[in-house]
Amino acid sequence: LGWRVGNAGEGLAQMFHMMNEART
């Protein structure tokens, strides 16, 4: 079970927020 974060179809754009922080 999981819950969608934000709008459908925007997952990769949202995940870049975390990915860029992880890259830093």
PDB file of all heavy atoms in Angstrom:
ATOM      1  N   LEU A   1       0.830  -1.203   0.000  1.00  0.00           N
ATOM      2  CA  LEU A   1       0.000   0.000   0.000  1.00  0.00           C
ATOM      3  C   LEU A   1       0.866   1.255   0.000  1.00  0.00           C
ATOM      4  O   LEU A   1       1.820   1.374   0.774  1.00  0.00           O
ATOM      5  CB  LEU A   1      -0.913   0.018   1.212  1.00  0.00           C
ATOM      6  CG  LEU A   1      -2.179  -0.845   1.132  1.00  0.00           C
ATOM      7  CD1 LEU A   1      -2.935  -0.784   2.451  1.00  0.00           C
ATOM      8  CD2 LEU A   1      -3.079  -0.382  -0.007  1.00  0.00           C
ATOM      9  N   GLY A   2       0.528   2.176  -0.885  1.00  0.00           N
ATOM     10  CA  GLY A   2       1.221   3.450  -0.951  1.00  0.00           C
ATOM     11  C   GLY A   2       0.273   4.547  -1.364  1.00  0.00           C
ATOM     12  O   GLY A   2      -0.831   4.295  -1.858  1.00  0.00           O
ATOM     13  N   TRP A   3       0.685   5.773  -1.143  1.00  0.00           N
ATOM     14  CA  TRP A   3      -0.139   6.928  -1.481  1.00  0.00           C
ATOM     15  C   TRP A   3       0.613   7.825  -2.463  1.00  0.00           C
ATOM     16  O   TRP A   3       1.804   8.105  -2.280  1.00  0.00           O
ATOM     17  CB  TRP A   3      -0.490   7.711  -0.212  1.00  0.00           C
ATOM     18  CG  TRP A   3      -1.454   6.971   0.656  1.00  0.00           C
ATOM     19  CD1 TRP A   3      -2.807   7.105   0.680  1.00  0.00           C
ATOM     20  CD2 TRP A   3      -1.138   5.958   1.621  1.00  0.00           C
ATOM     21  NE1 TRP A   3      -3.362   6.241   1.595  1.00  0.00           N
ATOM     22  CE2 TRP A   3      -2.354   5.523   2.197  1.00  0.00           C
ATOM     23  CE3 TRP A   3       0.063   5.362   2.048  1.00  0.00           C
ATOM     24  CZ2 TRP A   3      -2.419   4.534   3.157  1.00  0.00           C
ATOM     25  CZ3 TRP A   3       0.002   4.380   3.021  1.00  0.00           C
ATOM     26  CH2 TRP A   3      -1.233   3.967   3.572  1.00  0.00           C
ATOM     27  N   ARG A   4      -0.088   8.252  -3.493  1.00  0.00           N
ATOM     28  CA  ARG A   4       0.555   9.088  -4.511  1.00  0.00           C
ATOM     29  C   ARG A   4       0.903  10.441  -3.914  1.00  0.00           C
ATOM     30  O   ARG A   4       0.103  11.057  -3.211  1.00  0.00           O
ATOM     31  CB  ARG A   4      -0.367   9.257  -5.710  1.00  0.00           C
ATOM     32  CG  ARG A   4       0.355   9.830  -6.947  1.00  0.00           C
ATOM     33  CD  ARG A   4      -0.599  10.057  -8.091  1.00  0.00           C
ATOM     34  NE  ARG A   4      -1.483  11.176  -7.803  1.00  0.00           N
ATOM     35  CZ  ARG A   4      -2.792  11.170  -8.016  1.00  0.00           C
ATOM     36  NH1 ARG A   4      -3.392  10.088  -8.490  1.00  0.00           N
ATOM     37  NH2 ARG A   4      -3.531  12.239  -7.736  1.00  0.00           N
ATOM     38  N   VAL A   5       2.116  10.889  -4.222  1.00  0.00           N
ATOM     39  CA  VAL A   5       2.579  12.206  -3.798  1.00  0.00           C
ATOM     40  C   VAL A   5       2.368  13.173  -4.956  1.00  0.00           C
ATOM     41  O   VAL A   5       2.905  12.977  -6.049  1.00  0.00           O
ATOM     42  CB  VAL A   5       4.067  12.171  -3.396  1.00  0.00           C
ATOM     43  CG1 VAL A   5       4.542  13.568  -2.987  1.00  0.00           C
ATOM     44  CG2 VAL A   5       4.298  11.173  -2.264  1.00  0.00           C
ATOM     45  N   GLY A   6       1.582  14.207  -4.745  1.00  0.00           N
ATOM     46  CA  GLY A   6       1.366  15.188  -5.806  1.00  0.00           C
ATOM     47  C   GLY A   6       0.537  14.622  -6.945  1.00  0.00           C
ATOM     48  O   GLY A   6      -0.242  13.681  -6.797  1.00  0.00           O
ATOM     49  N   ASN A   7       0.736  15.186  -8.127  1.00  0.00           N
ATOM     50  CA  ASN A   7      -0.063  14.829  -9.287  1.00  0.00           C
ATOM     51  C   ASN A   7       0.461  13.594  -9.990  1.00  0.00           C
ATOM     52  O   ASN A   7       1.658  13.302  -9.955  1.00  0.00           O
ATOM     53  CB  ASN A   7      -0.103  16.000 -10.276  1.00  0.00           C
ATOM     54  CG  ASN A   7      -0.758  17.236  -9.701  1.00  0.00           C
ATOM     55  OD1 ASN A   7      -1.731  17.147  -8.951  1.00  0.00           O
ATOM     56  ND2 ASN A   7      -0.227  18.401 -10.045  1.00  0.00           N
ATOM     57  N   ALA A   8      -0.440  12.895 -10.667  1.00  0.00           N
ATOM     58  CA  ALA A   8      -0.041  11.734 -11.462  1.00  0.00           C
ATOM     59  C   ALA A   8       0.857  12.179 -12.607  1.00  0.00           C
ATOM     60  O   ALA A   8       0.669  13.257 -13.190  1.00  0.00           O
ATOM     61  CB  ALA A   8      -1.284  11.034 -12.002  1.00  0.00           C
ATOM     62  N   GLY A   9       1.837  11.359 -12.910  1.00  0.00           N
ATOM     63  CA  GLY A   9       2.729  11.628 -14.033  1.00  0.00           C
ATOM     64  C   GLY A   9       3.877  12.565 -13.734  1.00  0.00           C
ATOM     65  O   GLY A   9       4.688  12.847 -14.620  1.00  0.00           O
ATOM     66  N   GLU A  10       3.959  13.053 -12.500  1.00  0.00           N
ATOM     67  CA  GLU A  10       5.025  13.999 -12.150  1.00  0.00           C
ATOM     68  C   GLU A  10       6.088  13.371 -11.256  1.00  0.00           C
ATOM     69  O   GLU A  10       6.893  14.076 -10.648  1.00  0.00           O
ATOM     70  CB  GLU A  10       4.422  15.219 -11.451  1.00  0.00           C
ATOM     71  CG  GLU A  10       3.487  16.024 -12.350  1.00  0.00           C
ATOM     72  CD  GLU A  10       2.899  17.245 -11.650  1.00  0.00           C
ATOM     73  OE1 GLU A  10       3.203  17.448 -10.452  1.00  0.00           O
ATOM     74  OE2 GLU A  10       2.150  17.987 -12.301  1.00  0.00           O
ATOM     75  N   GLY A  11       6.110  12.054 -11.185  1.00  0.00           N
ATOM     76  CA  GLY A  11       7.001  11.374 -10.253  1.00  0.00           C
ATOM     77  C   GLY A  11       8.468  11.648 -10.466  1.00  0.00           C
ATOM     78  O   GLY A  11       9.205  11.919  -9.508  1.00  0.00           O
ATOM     79  N   LEU A  12       8.895  11.579 -11.721  1.00  0.00           N
ATOM     80  CA  LEU A  12      10.324  11.762 -11.980  1.00  0.00           C
ATOM     81  C   LEU A  12      10.756  13.192 -11.677  1.00  0.00           C
ATOM     82  O   LEU A  12      11.830  13.416 -11.094  1.00  0.00           O
ATOM     83  CB  LEU A  12      10.652  11.389 -13.424  1.00  0.00           C
ATOM     84  CG  LEU A  12      12.095  10.978 -13.710  1.00  0.00           C
ATOM     85  CD1 LEU A  12      12.536   9.850 -12.787  1.00  0.00           C
ATOM     86  CD2 LEU A  12      12.236  10.540 -15.167  1.00  0.00           C
ATOM     87  N   ALA A  13       9.930  14.159 -12.047  1.00  0.00           N
ATOM     88  CA  ALA A  13      10.259  15.557 -11.752  1.00  0.00           C
ATOM     89  C   ALA A  13      10.332  15.795 -10.249  1.00  0.00           C
ATOM     90  O   ALA A  13      11.225  16.500  -9.757  1.00  0.00           O
ATOM     91  CB  ALA A  13       9.218  16.479 -12.385  1.00  0.00           C
ATOM     92  N   GLN A  14       9.405  15.192  -9.492  1.00  0.00           N
ATOM     93  CA  GLN A  14       9.426  15.334  -8.046  1.00  0.00           C
ATOM     94  C   GLN A  14      10.656  14.646  -7.447  1.00  0.00           C
ATOM     95  O   GLN A  14      11.308  15.189  -6.556  1.00  0.00           O
ATOM     96  CB  GLN A  14       8.161  14.727  -7.445  1.00  0.00           C
ATOM     97  CG  GLN A  14       6.890  15.468  -7.787  1.00  0.00           C
ATOM     98  CD  GLN A  14       5.654  14.654  -7.445  1.00  0.00           C
ATOM     99  OE1 GLN A  14       5.726  13.436  -7.263  1.00  0.00           O
ATOM    100  NE2 GLN A  14       4.521  15.319  -7.357  1.00  0.00           N
ATOM    101  N   MET A  15      10.958  13.466  -7.950  1.00  0.00           N
ATOM    102  CA  MET A  15      12.079  12.712  -7.391  1.00  0.00           C
ATOM    103  C   MET A  15      13.412  13.418  -7.638  1.00  0.00           C
ATOM    104  O   MET A  15      14.359  13.238  -6.871  1.00  0.00           O
ATOM    105  CB  MET A  15      12.110  11.302  -7.964  1.00  0.00           C
ATOM    106  CG  MET A  15      13.171  10.397  -7.352  1.00  0.00           C
ATOM    107  SD  MET A  15      13.102  10.296  -5.546  1.00  0.00           S
ATOM    108  CE  MET A  15      11.878   9.013  -5.332  1.00  0.00           C
ATOM    109  N   PHE A  16      13.484  14.243  -8.681  1.00  0.00           N
ATOM    110  CA  PHE A  16      14.714  14.998  -8.906  1.00  0.00           C
ATOM    111  C   PHE A  16      15.005  15.930  -7.731  1.00  0.00           C
ATOM    112  O   PHE A  16      16.158  16.278  -7.484  1.00  0.00           O
ATOM    113  CB  PHE A  16      14.644  15.785 -10.217  1.00  0.00           C
ATOM    114  CG  PHE A  16      15.256  15.053 -11.380  1.00  0.00           C
ATOM    115  CD1 PHE A  16      14.454  14.468 -12.348  1.00  0.00           C
ATOM    116  CD2 PHE A  16      16.633  14.930 -11.487  1.00  0.00           C
ATOM    117  CE1 PHE A  16      15.020  13.775 -13.417  1.00  0.00           C
ATOM    118  CE2 PHE A  16      17.209  14.240 -12.548  1.00  0.00           C
ATOM    119  CZ  PHE A  16      16.397  13.663 -13.518  1.00  0.00           C
ATOM    120  N   HIS A  17      13.980  16.346  -7.006  1.00  0.00           N
ATOM    121  CA  HIS A  17      14.180  17.161  -5.799  1.00  0.00           C
ATOM    122  C   HIS A  17      15.045  16.404  -4.808  1.00  0.00           C
ATOM    123  O   HIS A  17      16.019  16.940  -4.255  1.00  0.00           O
ATOM    124  CB  HIS A  17      12.819  17.502  -5.203  1.00  0.00           C
ATOM    125  CG  HIS A  17      12.867  18.448  -4.049  1.00  0.00           C
ATOM    126  ND1 HIS A  17      13.218  18.061  -2.768  1.00  0.00           N
ATOM    127  CD2 HIS A  17      12.603  19.779  -3.966  1.00  0.00           C
ATOM    128  CE1 HIS A  17      13.169  19.095  -1.959  1.00  0.00           C
ATOM    129  NE2 HIS A  17      12.800  20.153  -2.655  1.00  0.00           N
ATOM    130  N   MET A  18      14.708  15.127  -4.587  1.00  0.00           N
ATOM    131  CA  MET A  18      15.490  14.308  -3.658  1.00  0.00           C
ATOM    132  C   MET A  18      16.805  13.866  -4.274  1.00  0.00           C
ATOM    133  O   MET A  18      17.843  13.827  -3.619  1.00  0.00           O
ATOM    134  CB  MET A  18      14.680  13.092  -3.227  1.00  0.00           C
ATOM    135  CG  MET A  18      15.407  12.221  -2.192  1.00  0.00           C
ATOM    136  SD  MET A  18      14.352  10.898  -1.562  1.00  0.00           S
ATOM    137  CE  MET A  18      15.478  10.143  -0.377  1.00  0.00           C
ATOM    138  N   MET A  19      16.769  13.542  -5.576  1.00  0.00           N
ATOM    139  CA  MET A  19      17.991  13.087  -6.244  1.00  0.00           C
ATOM    140  C   MET A  19      19.059  14.166  -6.223  1.00  0.00           C
ATOM    141  O   MET A  19      20.243  13.890  -5.975  1.00  0.00           O
ATOM    142  CB  MET A  19      17.669  12.663  -7.681  1.00  0.00           C
ATOM    143  CG  MET A  19      16.884  11.362  -7.789  1.00  0.00           C
ATOM    144  SD  MET A  19      16.200  11.102  -9.438  1.00  0.00           S
ATOM    145  CE  MET A  19      17.688  11.020 -10.420  1.00  0.00           C
ATOM    146  N   ASN A  20      18.673  15.407  -6.496  1.00  0.00           N
ATOM    147  CA  ASN A  20      19.656  16.495  -6.491  1.00  0.00           C
ATOM    148  C   ASN A  20      20.217  16.724  -5.094  1.00  0.00           C
ATOM    149  O   ASN A  20      21.402  17.024  -4.929  1.00  0.00           O
ATOM    150  CB  ASN A  20      19.039  17.777  -7.044  1.00  0.00           C
ATOM    151  CG  ASN A  20      18.914  17.754  -8.556  1.00  0.00           C
ATOM    152  OD1 ASN A  20      19.659  17.052  -9.237  1.00  0.00           O
ATOM    153  ND2 ASN A  20      17.984  18.512  -9.088  1.00  0.00           N
ATOM    154  N   GLU A  21      19.360  16.580  -4.069  1.00  0.00           N
ATOM    155  CA  GLU A  21      19.867  16.704  -2.708  1.00  0.00           C
ATOM    156  C   GLU A  21      20.814  15.565  -2.383  1.00  0.00           C
ATOM    157  O   GLU A  21      21.848  15.766  -1.743  1.00  0.00           O
ATOM    158  CB  GLU A  21      18.706  16.733  -1.713  1.00  0.00           C
ATOM    159  CG  GLU A  21      19.170  16.889  -0.285  1.00  0.00           C
ATOM    160  CD  GLU A  21      18.082  17.342   0.658  1.00  0.00           C
ATOM    161  OE1 GLU A  21      17.023  17.792   0.180  1.00  0.00           O
ATOM    162  OE2 GLU A  21      18.293  17.251   1.880  1.00  0.00           O
ATOM    163  N   ALA A  22      20.452  14.341  -2.832  1.00  0.00           N
ATOM    164  CA  ALA A  22      21.336  13.199  -2.599  1.00  0.00           C
ATOM    165  C   ALA A  22      22.654  13.373  -3.348  1.00  0.00           C
ATOM    166  O   ALA A  22      23.720  12.988  -2.849  1.00  0.00           O
ATOM    167  CB  ALA A  22      20.638  11.912  -3.026  1.00  0.00           C
ATOM    168  N   ARG A  23      22.604  13.960  -4.526  1.00  0.00           N
ATOM    169  CA  ARG A  23      23.834  14.191  -5.284  1.00  0.00           C
ATOM    170  C   ARG A  23      24.744  15.180  -4.549  1.00  0.00           C
ATOM    171  O   ARG A  23      25.964  14.990  -4.506  1.00  0.00           O
ATOM    172  CB  ARG A  23      23.491  14.709  -6.685  1.00  0.00           C
ATOM    173  CG  ARG A  23      22.924  13.633  -7.590  1.00  0.00           C
ATOM    174  CD  ARG A  23      22.310  14.169  -8.869  1.00  0.00           C
ATOM    175  NE  ARG A  23      21.884  13.065  -9.727  1.00  0.00           N
ATOM    176  CZ  ARG A  23      21.202  13.214 -10.850  1.00  0.00           C
ATOM    177  NH1 ARG A  23      20.860  14.424 -11.255  1.00  0.00           N
ATOM    178  NH2 ARG A  23      20.859  12.151 -11.565  1.00  0.00           N
ATOM    179  N   THR A  24      24.145  16.215  -3.978  1.00  0.00           N
ATOM    180  CA  THR A  24      24.936  17.132  -3.172  1.00  0.00           C
ATOM    181  C   THR A  24      25.492  16.422  -1.947  1.00  0.00           C
ATOM    182  O   THR A  24      26.643  16.647  -1.550  1.00  0.00           O
ATOM    183  CB  THR A  24      24.068  18.329  -2.744  1.00  0.00           C
ATOM    184  OG1 THR A  24      23.588  19.007  -3.913  1.00  0.00           O
ATOM    185  CG2 THR A  24      24.858  19.312  -1.900  1.00  0.00           C
TER     186      THR A  24
END
